[in-house]
């Protein structure tokens, strides 16, 4: 089986001033390709004509879609998937609808609420309550989140809103334990792993650095432990929220849900990442390994599920 691994061009990301550590999929692409004897890696700017020419040239049976920022624009993440859907080409990764939906936090939360999945309460600038968290409505994977995104008063909230380069989403700050829930499966989730994030040194949330920058202090102060003490009943309730989020957006193949407990110990969904990292030792691959599996076995399954 011939597999073509597509990933966004790092040059496009550099030109767009995007953080490379978040959107650069070169390592993941190389490792995915290494699993298959007949594979090709293609770094693409993201133009439709360019991708069509590559498909025609390489005659791949399956496309492994790692295009997280076509044309240097994360908000276009679903466009490559939409093109592959239009062409009726088998591909690994979430469908275009799920990818686009997960990039719009306010809309995503509305979908979750409609499906009965608990989310943090949305607040307004005119009638806030504290503490609150200020995040971007249109940025993915913790982009724009920093320590000062948790605000204790109106002045701090105003500063956090002004710092963003996109519309702000203001929510209540959910203060309890936080979990990273990895899910994978052809349609319904067939596998799962729960890592508990242990915040240290005053860190209160998963900032962008904590999630994506291994050289940062925040990253060191937000380790995730997959062998933490999670009571069976709590584990099931956390999994239920994550699986509900998966179903609500029509996810497939792989996703990671961020779930946090409120003051009463009830889980709420914070975010759903429909394009998790596939490089060994990170993201969905790390979760699989922590449950006793091998990352390359997951890669093979994903291609079979495409």
Protein backbone atom coordinates (compact mmCIF):
# COMPACT_ATOMS: atom_id res chain seq x y z
CA UNK A 1 0.00 0.00 0.00
CA UNK A 2 1.38 3.38 -1.02
CA UNK A 3 0.94 6.10 1.60
CA UNK A 4 1.44 9.80 0.91
CA UNK A 5 2.11 11.89 4.02
CA UNK A 6 1.09 15.51 3.53
CA UNK A 7 2.23 18.23 5.93
CA UNK A 8 2.18 22.02 5.86
CA UNK A 9 5.34 23.75 4.65
CA UNK A 10 7.43 25.19 7.51
CA UNK A 11 8.27 28.11 5.24
CA UNK A 12 4.60 29.04 5.03
CA UNK A 13 4.40 28.97 8.82
CA UNK A 14 7.49 31.11 9.15
CA UNK A 15 6.05 33.67 6.78
CA UNK A 16 2.81 33.69 8.78
CA UNK A 17 4.66 34.16 12.09
CA UNK A 18 3.19 30.97 13.52
CA UNK A 19 4.93 29.12 16.37
CA UNK A 20 6.79 26.30 14.64
CA UNK A 21 6.63 24.03 17.67
CA UNK A 22 2.84 23.92 17.34
CA UNK A 23 2.36 23.50 13.59
CA UNK A 24 5.58 21.95 12.29
CA UNK A 25 4.78 18.32 11.49
CA UNK A 26 8.06 17.34 9.83
CA UNK A 27 9.13 14.91 12.58
CA UNK A 28 5.68 13.34 12.72
CA UNK A 29 5.65 12.98 8.93
CA UNK A 30 9.03 11.24 8.87
CA UNK A 31 8.01 8.80 11.56
CA UNK A 32 4.66 8.01 9.96
CA UNK A 33 6.36 7.40 6.62
CA UNK A 34 8.94 5.10 8.26
CA UNK A 35 6.18 2.63 9.15
CA UNK A 36 5.45 1.87 5.51
CA UNK A 37 7.83 0.51 2.89
CA UNK A 38 6.09 2.37 0.09
CA UNK A 39 5.51 5.93 1.21
CA UNK A 40 6.29 9.49 0.18
CA UNK A 41 6.45 12.69 2.25
CA UNK A 42 5.18 15.89 0.68
CA UNK A 43 5.58 19.32 2.24
CA UNK A 44 2.87 21.53 0.77
CA UNK A 45 2.00 25.21 0.84
CA UNK A 46 -1.64 24.21 0.77
CA UNK A 47 -2.91 25.34 -2.62
CA UNK A 48 -5.48 23.01 -4.16
CA UNK A 49 -3.69 22.79 -7.53
CA UNK A 50 -0.44 21.83 -5.79
CA UNK A 51 -2.11 19.00 -3.87
CA UNK A 52 -3.96 17.78 -6.96
CA UNK A 53 -0.67 17.53 -8.86
CA UNK A 54 0.94 15.53 -6.05
CA UNK A 55 -1.99 13.13 -5.91
CA UNK A 56 -1.79 12.63 -9.67
CA UNK A 57 2.00 12.11 -9.55
CA UNK A 58 2.27 9.69 -6.63
CA UNK A 59 -0.90 7.63 -7.10
CA UNK A 60 -1.16 6.97 -3.36
CA UNK A 61 -3.73 4.57 -1.96
CA UNK A 62 -4.08 6.57 1.27
CA UNK A 63 -3.17 10.14 2.24
CA UNK A 64 -2.01 10.74 5.81
CA UNK A 65 -3.18 14.32 6.39
CA UNK A 66 -0.87 16.36 8.66
CA UNK A 67 -1.67 19.73 7.10
CA UNK A 68 -2.28 21.77 10.23
CA UNK A 69 -1.82 25.21 8.66
CA UNK A 70 -2.45 25.35 4.87
CA UNK A 71 -1.04 28.59 3.44
CA UNK A 72 0.21 29.38 6.95
CA UNK A 73 -3.37 29.73 8.22
CA UNK A 74 -4.55 27.33 10.97
CA UNK A 75 -8.13 28.45 10.36
CA UNK A 76 -7.93 26.62 7.00
CA UNK A 77 -7.04 23.29 8.61
CA UNK A 78 -10.17 21.62 7.26
CA UNK A 79 -9.61 22.66 3.64
CA UNK A 80 -7.20 19.87 2.68
CA UNK A 81 -9.54 17.30 4.20
CA UNK A 82 -12.44 18.84 2.24
CA UNK A 83 -10.46 18.53 -0.99
CA UNK A 84 -9.70 14.88 -0.30
CA UNK A 85 -13.36 14.26 0.53
CA UNK A 86 -14.41 15.91 -2.73
CA UNK A 87 -12.03 13.68 -4.66
CA UNK A 88 -13.21 10.58 -2.73
CA UNK A 89 -9.63 9.78 -1.69
CA UNK A 90 -9.04 7.72 1.44
CA UNK A 91 -7.21 9.75 4.07
CA UNK A 92 -6.17 9.55 7.71
CA UNK A 93 -7.44 12.26 10.00
CA UNK A 94 -10.66 13.94 10.94
CA UNK A 95 -13.10 15.09 8.31
CA UNK A 96 -13.28 18.71 7.25
CA UNK A 97 -16.40 19.52 9.28
CA UNK A 98 -14.85 18.41 12.57
CA UNK A 99 -11.58 20.21 11.83
CA UNK A 100 -13.28 23.51 11.05
CA UNK A 101 -15.72 23.29 13.94
CA UNK A 102 -12.99 22.67 16.51
CA UNK A 103 -11.28 25.88 15.42
CA UNK A 104 -14.23 28.04 16.51
CA UNK A 105 -14.44 27.76 20.28
CA UNK A 106 -17.71 29.64 20.82
CA UNK A 107 -19.50 27.62 18.14
CA UNK A 108 -17.91 24.41 19.39
CA UNK A 109 -19.15 25.09 22.91
CA UNK A 110 -22.65 25.70 21.57
CA UNK A 111 -22.54 22.31 19.84
CA UNK A 112 -21.36 20.67 23.07
CA UNK A 113 -24.12 22.33 25.09
CA UNK A 114 -26.69 21.21 22.53
CA UNK A 115 -25.44 17.65 22.92
CA UNK A 116 -25.70 17.86 26.71
CA UNK A 117 -21.95 17.97 27.29
CA UNK A 118 -20.96 20.30 30.14
CA UNK A 119 -18.70 23.23 29.26
CA UNK A 120 -17.46 26.21 31.29
CA UNK A 121 -19.99 29.04 31.49
CA UNK A 122 -19.45 31.81 28.95
CA UNK A 123 -19.20 35.34 30.36
CA UNK A 124 -19.45 38.82 28.87
CA UNK A 125 -17.24 41.87 29.18
CA UNK A 126 -20.18 43.78 30.55
CA UNK A 127 -21.08 41.24 33.25
CA UNK A 128 -17.99 39.21 34.15
CA UNK A 129 -17.38 37.17 37.26
CA UNK A 130 -14.02 36.24 38.68
CA UNK A 131 -11.83 34.36 38.38
CA UNK A 132 -12.34 34.05 34.64
CA UNK A 133 -10.20 32.90 31.74
CA UNK A 134 -9.71 34.88 28.54
CA UNK A 135 -8.86 32.90 25.43
CA UNK A 136 -9.09 33.30 21.68
CA UNK A 137 -12.30 32.28 19.96
CA UNK A 138 -10.46 31.48 16.73
CA UNK A 139 -7.05 30.08 17.68
CA UNK A 140 -6.24 26.42 18.10
CA UNK A 141 -4.50 24.29 20.69
CA UNK A 142 -3.98 26.83 23.51
CA UNK A 143 -2.73 29.54 21.16
CA UNK A 144 -2.71 32.83 23.06
CA UNK A 145 -3.08 31.22 26.47
CA UNK A 146 -0.58 32.44 29.05
CA UNK A 147 -0.42 32.66 32.83
CA UNK A 148 -2.17 36.03 32.78
CA UNK A 149 -5.09 34.54 30.84
CA UNK A 150 -6.57 33.67 34.25
CA UNK A 151 -7.96 36.97 35.52
CA UNK A 152 -8.94 37.91 39.05
CA UNK A 153 -10.39 41.36 38.33
CA UNK A 154 -11.68 43.64 35.57
CA UNK A 155 -8.31 45.30 34.96
CA UNK A 156 -6.58 41.95 34.42
CA UNK A 157 -9.39 40.84 32.12
CA UNK A 158 -9.08 44.00 30.01
CA UNK A 159 -5.34 43.47 29.65
CA UNK A 160 -5.84 39.83 28.60
CA UNK A 161 -8.45 40.80 26.00
CA UNK A 162 -6.22 43.56 24.59
CA UNK A 163 -3.30 41.16 24.25
CA UNK A 164 -5.18 38.85 21.86
CA UNK A 165 -5.03 39.33 18.09
CA UNK A 166 -8.41 37.63 17.61
CA UNK A 167 -11.92 37.88 19.12
CA UNK A 168 -11.90 36.96 22.80
CA UNK A 169 -13.88 34.23 24.47
CA UNK A 170 -14.37 34.83 28.21
CA UNK A 171 -15.34 31.88 30.40
CA UNK A 172 -15.52 31.02 34.05
CA UNK A 173 -12.25 29.57 35.34
CA UNK A 174 -12.80 25.91 36.21
CA UNK A 175 -10.51 25.27 39.20
CA UNK A 176 -10.33 21.48 39.59
CA UNK A 177 -8.13 18.62 38.38
CA UNK A 178 -7.32 18.56 34.64
CA UNK A 179 -7.10 15.55 32.36
CA UNK A 180 -5.84 14.98 28.83
CA UNK A 181 -8.02 12.27 27.30
CA UNK A 182 -6.72 10.62 24.13
CA UNK A 183 -9.22 8.72 22.00
CA UNK A 184 -8.72 6.68 18.86
CA UNK A 185 -10.88 4.49 16.64
CA UNK A 186 -12.31 4.02 13.16
CA UNK A 187 -15.59 5.68 14.02
CA UNK A 188 -16.48 5.27 17.67
CA UNK A 189 -13.49 5.41 20.03
CA UNK A 190 -11.93 1.96 20.33
CA UNK A 191 -9.07 2.99 22.61
CA UNK A 192 -8.47 5.63 25.24
CA UNK A 193 -5.87 6.89 27.69
CA UNK A 194 -6.18 9.48 30.45
CA UNK A 195 -3.25 11.58 31.56
CA UNK A 196 -3.66 13.86 34.56
CA UNK A 197 -1.92 17.23 34.30
CA UNK A 198 -0.19 18.15 37.57
CA UNK A 199 0.30 21.92 37.75
CA UNK A 200 3.34 23.13 39.68
CA UNK A 201 5.00 26.39 40.74
CA UNK A 202 1.80 28.41 40.66
CA UNK A 203 0.79 27.42 37.12
CA UNK A 204 -3.02 27.18 36.91
CA UNK A 205 -3.74 26.28 33.29
CA UNK A 206 -2.27 24.70 30.16
CA UNK A 207 -0.64 27.69 28.54
CA UNK A 208 0.60 27.60 24.98
CA UNK A 209 4.15 27.05 26.24
CA UNK A 210 3.02 24.30 28.63
CA UNK A 211 1.50 22.37 25.75
CA UNK A 212 3.94 23.08 22.92
CA UNK A 213 7.31 24.45 24.07
CA UNK A 214 9.48 21.75 25.74
CA UNK A 215 12.17 24.34 26.53
CA UNK A 216 9.84 26.52 28.59
CA UNK A 217 9.30 26.66 32.35
CA UNK A 218 5.56 26.20 31.87
CA UNK A 219 6.16 22.91 30.01
CA UNK A 220 8.28 21.64 32.92
CA UNK A 221 5.62 22.70 35.41
CA UNK A 222 2.69 20.92 33.71
CA UNK A 223 3.64 17.23 33.45
CA UNK A 224 0.95 14.68 32.59
CA UNK A 225 0.90 11.35 34.44
CA UNK A 226 -0.94 8.41 32.97
CA UNK A 227 -0.56 6.36 36.16
CA UNK A 228 -2.14 8.92 38.49
CA UNK A 229 -4.72 7.84 41.05
CA UNK A 230 -8.09 8.26 39.34
CA UNK A 231 -11.04 6.61 41.06
CA UNK A 232 -12.99 4.25 38.73
CA UNK A 233 -16.18 6.31 38.92
CA UNK A 234 -14.32 9.53 38.13
CA UNK A 235 -12.43 7.85 35.29
CA UNK A 236 -15.68 6.76 33.70
CA UNK A 237 -17.28 10.20 34.04
CA UNK A 238 -14.23 11.89 32.48
CA UNK A 239 -14.23 9.37 29.63
CA UNK A 240 -17.96 9.87 29.11
CA UNK A 241 -17.48 13.62 28.62
CA UNK A 242 -14.58 13.07 26.19
CA UNK A 243 -16.48 10.45 24.21
CA UNK A 244 -19.52 12.72 24.12
CA UNK A 245 -17.38 15.50 22.67
CA UNK A 246 -16.02 13.07 20.04
CA UNK A 247 -19.54 12.10 19.01
CA UNK A 248 -20.83 15.69 19.03
CA UNK A 249 -18.33 16.83 16.38
CA UNK A 250 -18.43 13.58 14.39
CA UNK A 251 -14.78 12.80 15.09
CA UNK A 252 -12.92 9.78 13.78
CA UNK A 253 -9.45 8.21 13.91
CA UNK A 254 -7.86 10.27 16.73
CA UNK A 255 -8.51 13.25 18.98
CA UNK A 256 -7.50 14.57 22.38
CA UNK A 257 -10.00 16.12 24.77
CA UNK A 258 -9.03 18.48 27.58
CA UNK A 259 -11.34 17.88 30.54
CA UNK A 260 -11.35 19.67 33.90
CA UNK A 261 -13.32 19.24 37.11
CA UNK A 262 -15.45 22.09 38.43
CA UNK A 263 -15.79 23.09 42.09
CA UNK A 264 -18.20 20.22 42.67
CA UNK A 265 -15.90 17.64 41.08
CA UNK A 266 -17.92 17.33 37.87
CA UNK A 267 -16.01 17.05 34.57
CA UNK A 268 -16.37 19.74 31.92
CA UNK A 269 -14.92 19.75 28.41
CA UNK A 270 -12.43 22.57 27.80
CA UNK A 271 -11.30 21.75 24.28
CA UNK A 272 -11.08 19.04 21.65
CA UNK A 273 -7.98 18.74 19.45
CA UNK A 274 -8.98 16.95 16.22
CA UNK A 275 -5.41 16.86 14.85
CA UNK A 276 -3.18 15.61 17.68
CA UNK A 277 0.59 15.19 17.39
CA UNK A 278 1.70 11.84 15.92
CA UNK A 279 5.45 12.01 16.56
CA UNK A 280 6.67 9.31 18.99
CA UNK A 281 6.71 10.43 22.61
CA UNK A 282 4.14 13.19 22.09
CA UNK A 283 0.40 13.65 21.74
CA UNK A 284 -1.65 10.63 20.75
CA UNK A 285 1.47 8.49 20.28
CA UNK A 286 2.56 9.07 23.88
CA UNK A 287 -0.92 8.18 25.13
CA UNK A 288 -0.89 4.89 23.22
CA UNK A 289 2.56 4.01 24.55
CA UNK A 290 1.49 4.80 28.12
CA UNK A 291 -1.29 2.23 27.81
CA UNK A 292 1.16 -0.46 26.68
CA UNK A 293 0.81 -0.06 22.92
CA UNK A 294 3.25 1.03 20.23
CA UNK A 295 2.88 4.25 18.26
CA UNK A 296 3.62 2.54 14.95
CA UNK A 297 0.81 0.04 15.59
CA UNK A 298 -1.57 2.98 15.89
CA UNK A 299 -0.25 4.47 12.63
CA UNK A 300 -0.96 1.18 10.83
CA UNK A 301 -4.45 1.04 12.30
CA UNK A 302 -5.16 4.59 11.20
CA UNK A 303 -4.26 3.76 7.62
CA UNK A 304 -6.45 0.67 7.76
CA UNK A 305 -9.32 2.80 9.11
CA UNK A 306 -9.00 5.47 6.39
